[in-house]
Amino acid sequence: MDDDSIDSSKQQPESVAAVLKVFAILQALSERSETGISELSVRLAMPKATVYRFLQTMMTLGYVRQESGSERYGLTMKAFELGAKALQYPDLVDLSKHHMQMLADATGETVHLGTLIDSEIIYVHKIDSRHTLGMYSRIGRRAPLHCTAIGKVLMAWEHPERRDRVLDGAEFQRFRDKTIVDRSEFLAELERVKAQGYGEDREEFDDHIRCLGIPIFDRLGQPIAGMSVSFPSFRYDEAKAPEIIAMLTAASRDISARLGCSKFPLDAAPKALPAR
């Protein structure tokens, strides 16, 4: 039995086994940065010598870095750049950066840009809060659809048939007391979101974090991303919410137009809000 194989129960060509090992290491580093060889060896059931050999090769290629003065490794920005090229709309981040910075400057809070991946959202860009205390997140972090402002706006404007397929794969996990865990209640929430023209996270995912989010549309008027501003609840001012929503909407209108959207869906006349 070859202990230098990820799955020793299956005989695989050496080249295939090598590819599997490379991507197993990359996946492990993406889930936990600054990881040591011993930890990777245990997690991946791979000999330390093998892990070391592949890490050295990936460092030479520029996809992995080693922390100075330690035996810990992490991914480089080159790995992020490679992933960013997989975006369906590669110009999305570049088109959004200026607006996100302006929102962060105006509010002092964290601004996120997220897209759909499987039945979750993934943050593809962020601008950090100027304050020490803010929402923890990182580019590449996944988050649930059902209790985030970005997830809600992506689903609220999605075509019903595709939305059903996406939600079939979603787990309505409870994260906080206010998390919506019933699919029918979530669909009612989406009606409210679409009627009011923006999404909210009312401390549903992270403790003491409020978020306001707006969808971004492509040339067909379909939601392809969401942008949100996140606040610690003690800094969230209900009276200022309309001003922030207006800024988010203006940003989305410009980004969507640059993506080819000629009829901005949020300009439609607002409907009466369903009762909460």
Protein backbone atom coordinates (compact mmCIF):
# COMPACT_ATOMS: atom_id res chain seq x y z
CA MET A 1 0.00 0.00 0.00
CA ASP A 2 1.38 3.40 -0.97
CA ASP A 3 1.27 5.72 2.04
CA ASP A 4 2.23 8.58 -0.27
CA SER A 5 -1.24 8.63 -1.87
CA ILE A 6 -4.34 10.61 -0.94
CA ASP A 7 -6.57 7.61 -1.54
CA SER A 8 -4.54 4.43 -1.36
CA SER A 9 -7.62 2.32 -2.08
CA LYS A 10 -7.55 3.40 -5.71
CA GLN A 11 -4.72 2.89 -8.14
CA GLN A 12 -4.11 6.15 -10.00
CA PRO A 13 -1.46 7.30 -12.44
CA GLU A 14 1.34 9.18 -10.69
CA SER A 15 0.52 12.41 -12.54
CA VAL A 16 -3.13 12.30 -11.41
CA ALA A 17 -2.11 11.62 -7.81
CA ALA A 18 0.24 14.59 -7.92
CA VAL A 19 -2.52 16.91 -9.15
CA LEU A 20 -4.83 15.71 -6.38
CA LYS A 21 -2.14 16.41 -3.78
CA VAL A 22 -1.49 19.92 -5.11
CA PHE A 23 -5.15 20.88 -4.95
CA ALA A 24 -5.62 19.24 -1.55
CA ILE A 25 -2.82 21.41 -0.18
CA LEU A 26 -4.21 24.55 -1.85
CA GLN A 27 -7.67 23.83 -0.45
CA ALA A 28 -6.27 23.29 3.04
CA LEU A 29 -4.31 26.55 2.90
CA SER A 30 -7.40 28.41 1.70
CA GLU A 31 -9.35 27.21 4.72
CA ARG A 32 -6.67 28.06 7.29
CA SER A 33 -3.84 30.47 6.59
CA GLU A 34 -0.42 30.23 8.21
CA THR A 35 -0.47 26.45 8.46
CA GLY A 36 2.53 24.29 9.33
CA ILE A 37 3.78 21.19 7.54
CA SER A 38 2.93 18.92 10.47
CA GLU A 39 -0.66 20.15 10.57
CA LEU A 40 -1.05 19.76 6.81
CA SER A 41 0.42 16.28 7.00
CA VAL A 42 -2.14 15.22 9.61
CA ARG A 43 -5.10 16.93 7.92
CA LEU A 44 -4.33 15.48 4.51
CA ALA A 45 -2.96 12.10 5.63
CA MET A 46 0.13 12.85 3.58
CA PRO A 47 3.77 12.29 4.58
CA LYS A 48 5.61 15.43 5.74
CA ALA A 49 8.27 14.96 3.07
CA THR A 50 5.60 14.97 0.37
CA VAL A 51 3.90 18.08 1.79
CA TYR A 52 7.25 19.86 2.00
CA ARG A 53 8.18 18.93 -1.58
CA PHE A 54 4.91 20.23 -3.02
CA LEU A 55 4.99 23.41 -0.91
CA GLN A 56 8.48 24.22 -2.16
CA THR A 57 7.34 23.81 -5.76
CA MET A 58 4.26 25.98 -5.21
CA MET A 59 6.46 28.63 -3.58
CA THR A 60 8.73 28.62 -6.62
CA LEU A 61 5.68 29.18 -8.82
CA GLY A 62 4.51 32.03 -6.59
CA TYR A 63 1.25 30.58 -5.28
CA VAL A 64 2.42 29.86 -1.73
CA ARG A 65 4.44 31.96 0.73
CA GLN A 66 6.34 30.99 3.86
CA GLU A 67 6.11 33.19 6.93
CA SER A 68 9.50 34.66 7.69
CA GLY A 69 11.26 32.94 10.56
CA SER A 70 8.68 30.17 10.84
CA GLU A 71 7.61 26.89 9.28
CA ARG A 72 4.12 28.14 8.47
CA TYR A 73 2.71 28.63 4.97
CA GLY A 74 -0.11 30.55 3.33
CA LEU A 75 -1.48 31.46 -0.08
CA THR A 76 -0.23 34.48 -2.02
CA MET A 77 -2.18 37.11 -3.93
CA LYS A 78 -1.24 35.23 -7.10
CA ALA A 79 -3.61 32.48 -5.95
CA PHE A 80 -6.35 35.09 -5.43
CA GLU A 81 -5.71 36.60 -8.85
CA LEU A 82 -6.14 33.18 -10.40
CA GLY A 83 -9.47 32.70 -8.63
CA ALA A 84 -10.63 36.20 -9.53
CA LYS A 85 -10.30 35.32 -13.21
CA ALA A 86 -13.00 32.70 -12.68
CA LEU A 87 -15.57 35.41 -11.97
CA GLN A 88 -18.34 35.37 -14.55
CA TYR A 89 -17.96 39.15 -14.74
CA PRO A 90 -14.20 39.79 -14.44
CA ASP A 91 -14.66 43.58 -14.44
CA LEU A 92 -17.04 43.49 -11.47
CA VAL A 93 -14.46 44.10 -8.76
CA ASP A 94 -12.67 46.85 -10.69
CA LEU A 95 -15.97 48.59 -11.43
CA SER A 96 -17.00 48.37 -7.77
CA LYS A 97 -13.77 49.39 -5.99
CA HIS A 98 -14.25 53.16 -6.26
CA HIS A 99 -17.87 53.06 -5.12
CA MET A 100 -16.99 50.77 -2.22
CA GLN A 101 -14.22 53.10 -1.09
CA MET A 102 -16.55 56.08 -1.28
CA LEU A 103 -19.15 54.23 0.81
CA ALA A 104 -16.52 53.23 3.36
CA ASP A 105 -15.26 56.82 3.55
CA ALA A 106 -18.79 58.21 3.97
CA THR A 107 -19.94 55.70 6.59
CA GLY A 108 -16.69 54.67 8.27
CA GLU A 109 -17.92 51.07 8.10
CA THR A 110 -17.02 47.83 6.32
CA VAL A 111 -18.27 47.46 2.74
CA HIS A 112 -18.57 44.05 1.07
CA LEU A 113 -19.06 42.83 -2.49
CA GLY A 114 -20.38 39.29 -2.80
CA THR A 115 -21.53 36.87 -5.47
CA LEU A 116 -23.28 33.50 -5.53
CA ILE A 117 -21.27 30.29 -5.27
CA ASP A 118 -23.22 27.02 -5.04
CA SER A 119 -25.91 27.86 -2.46
CA GLU A 120 -23.85 30.41 -0.52
CA ILE A 121 -22.35 33.81 -1.10
CA ILE A 122 -18.63 34.48 -1.35
CA TYR A 123 -17.00 37.83 -0.60
CA VAL A 124 -14.95 38.88 -3.64
CA HIS A 125 -13.91 42.31 -2.36
CA LYS A 126 -14.13 44.36 0.82
CA ILE A 127 -13.11 47.70 2.27
CA ASP A 128 -12.46 47.59 6.00
CA SER A 129 -14.04 49.84 8.58
CA ARG A 130 -11.92 52.70 9.88
CA HIS A 131 -12.92 51.58 13.38
CA THR A 132 -11.15 48.90 15.37
CA LEU A 133 -14.42 47.13 16.11
CA GLY A 134 -16.25 45.95 13.00
CA MET A 135 -17.50 42.87 11.21
CA TYR A 136 -14.97 40.05 10.84
CA SER A 137 -14.67 38.88 7.25
CA ARG A 138 -12.13 38.26 4.55
CA ILE A 139 -12.09 38.05 0.78
CA GLY A 140 -12.89 34.49 -0.17
CA ARG A 141 -14.98 33.83 2.94
CA ARG A 142 -18.29 32.11 2.30
CA ALA A 143 -21.47 33.12 4.08
CA PRO A 144 -25.06 31.82 4.05
CA LEU A 145 -27.79 33.16 1.80
CA HIS A 146 -30.64 33.15 4.29
CA CYS A 147 -29.25 35.50 6.94
CA THR A 148 -27.06 38.00 5.07
CA ALA A 149 -28.12 41.18 3.30
CA ILE A 150 -26.21 40.19 0.15
CA GLY A 151 -27.74 36.72 0.12
CA LYS A 152 -31.22 38.15 0.48
CA VAL A 153 -30.91 40.64 -2.37
CA LEU A 154 -29.39 38.03 -4.69
CA MET A 155 -32.35 35.73 -4.04
CA ALA A 156 -35.04 38.43 -3.99
CA TRP A 157 -34.36 39.49 -7.59
CA GLU A 158 -33.46 36.02 -8.88
CA HIS A 159 -35.67 34.20 -11.38
CA PRO A 160 -38.07 32.02 -9.32
CA GLU A 161 -37.05 28.73 -10.95
CA ARG A 162 -33.33 29.32 -10.46
CA ARG A 163 -33.96 30.63 -6.94
CA ASP A 164 -35.75 27.37 -6.08
CA ARG A 165 -32.81 25.35 -7.37
CA VAL A 166 -30.36 27.42 -5.35
CA LEU A 167 -32.45 27.20 -2.18
CA ASP A 168 -32.78 23.44 -2.60
CA GLY A 169 -29.06 23.28 -1.84
CA ALA A 170 -29.11 25.81 1.01
CA GLU A 171 -29.01 24.88 4.67
CA PHE A 172 -31.28 27.07 6.77
CA GLN A 173 -28.96 26.83 9.74
CA ARG A 174 -29.64 28.86 12.87
CA PHE A 175 -26.73 31.16 13.71
CA ARG A 176 -28.46 33.59 16.08
CA ASP A 177 -31.85 34.00 17.74
CA LYS A 178 -33.07 36.19 14.88
CA THR A 179 -31.97 33.86 12.07
CA ILE A 180 -34.77 32.85 9.70
CA VAL A 181 -34.64 29.04 9.53
CA ASP A 182 -37.95 28.29 7.78
CA ARG A 183 -37.94 28.37 3.97
CA SER A 184 -41.48 29.75 3.70
CA GLU A 185 -40.61 32.55 6.12
CA PHE A 186 -37.48 33.27 4.11
CA LEU A 187 -39.52 33.52 0.89
CA ALA A 188 -41.81 36.01 2.67
CA GLU A 189 -38.70 37.94 3.71
CA LEU A 190 -37.59 38.05 0.06
CA GLU A 191 -40.94 39.60 -0.90
CA ARG A 192 -40.32 42.35 1.67
CA VAL A 193 -36.76 42.84 0.42
CA LYS A 194 -37.85 43.24 -3.19
CA ALA A 195 -40.73 45.53 -2.24
CA GLN A 196 -38.56 47.88 -0.19
CA GLY A 197 -35.66 47.76 -2.66
CA TYR A 198 -32.88 46.63 -0.32
CA GLY A 199 -31.92 43.81 2.01
CA GLU A 200 -31.21 43.77 5.73
CA ASP A 201 -29.35 41.54 8.15
CA ARG A 202 -30.75 42.32 11.59
CA GLU A 203 -28.15 40.53 13.73
CA GLU A 204 -29.11 37.27 12.00
CA PHE A 205 -25.62 35.98 11.15
CA ASP A 206 -23.12 37.67 13.48
CA ASP A 207 -23.83 38.91 16.98
CA HIS A 208 -24.43 42.65 17.16
CA ILE A 209 -23.93 43.23 13.41
CA ARG A 210 -26.46 45.01 11.18
CA CYS A 211 -26.10 45.12 7.39
CA LEU A 212 -27.82 46.93 4.52
CA GLY A 213 -27.44 45.50 1.02
CA ILE A 214 -28.32 46.26 -2.60
CA PRO A 215 -28.17 44.01 -5.70
CA ILE A 216 -26.05 44.69 -8.79
CA PHE A 217 -27.47 43.70 -12.19
CA ASP A 218 -26.11 42.52 -15.53
CA ARG A 219 -27.22 43.53 -19.04
CA LEU A 220 -30.26 41.25 -18.78
CA GLY A 221 -31.37 42.81 -15.50
CA GLN A 222 -30.40 39.71 -13.52
CA PRO A 223 -28.73 40.03 -10.08
CA ILE A 224 -25.09 38.99 -10.32
CA ALA A 225 -23.70 40.46 -7.10
CA GLY A 226 -24.62 42.31 -3.96
CA MET A 227 -22.99 45.20 -2.12
CA SER A 228 -23.50 45.83 1.57
CA VAL A 229 -22.47 48.09 4.44
CA SER A 230 -22.01 46.40 7.83
CA PHE A 231 -22.33 48.11 11.21
CA PRO A 232 -21.87 47.07 14.80
CA SER A 233 -25.40 47.44 16.16
CA PHE A 234 -24.36 50.17 18.63
CA ARG A 235 -23.20 52.33 15.69
CA TYR A 236 -26.24 51.62 13.52
CA ASP A 237 -28.52 54.64 13.27
CA GLU A 238 -31.97 53.82 11.90
CA ALA A 239 -32.52 57.45 10.95
CA LYS A 240 -29.49 57.41 8.64
CA ALA A 241 -30.44 54.14 6.92
CA PRO A 242 -32.32 55.82 4.01
CA GLU A 243 -29.25 57.94 3.20
CA ILE A 244 -27.00 54.87 3.15
CA ILE A 245 -29.49 52.91 1.04
CA ALA A 246 -29.56 55.83 -1.41
CA MET A 247 -25.76 55.74 -1.68
CA LEU A 248 -25.78 51.97 -2.19
CA THR A 249 -28.48 52.30 -4.84
CA ALA A 250 -26.58 55.02 -6.72
CA ALA A 251 -23.46 52.85 -6.66
CA SER A 252 -25.38 49.86 -7.97
CA ARG A 253 -27.02 51.92 -10.69
CA ASP A 254 -23.65 53.06 -12.04
CA ILE A 255 -21.97 49.63 -11.77
CA SER A 256 -24.99 47.91 -13.35
CA ALA A 257 -25.03 50.41 -16.23
CA ARG A 258 -21.32 49.74 -16.85
CA LEU A 259 -22.16 46.03 -16.96
CA GLY A 260 -24.73 46.75 -19.69
CA CYS A 261 -27.93 47.06 -17.63
CA SER A 262 -30.08 49.62 -19.49
CA LYS A 263 -33.22 49.35 -17.35
CA PHE A 264 -32.25 49.46 -13.69
CA PRO A 265 -34.71 47.20 -11.78
CA LEU A 266 -34.53 49.24 -8.57
CA ASP A 267 -36.00 52.24 -10.40
CA ALA A 268 -39.34 50.42 -10.61
CA ALA A 269 -42.13 51.95 -8.57
CA PRO A 270 -42.03 50.61 -4.99
CA LYS A 271 -44.82 48.29 -3.90
CA ALA A 272 -46.61 48.26 -0.60
CA LEU A 273 -44.54 46.44 1.95
CA PRO A 274 -45.98 43.13 3.22
CA ALA A 275 -46.61 43.10 6.94
CA ARG A 276 -43.73 41.78 9.04
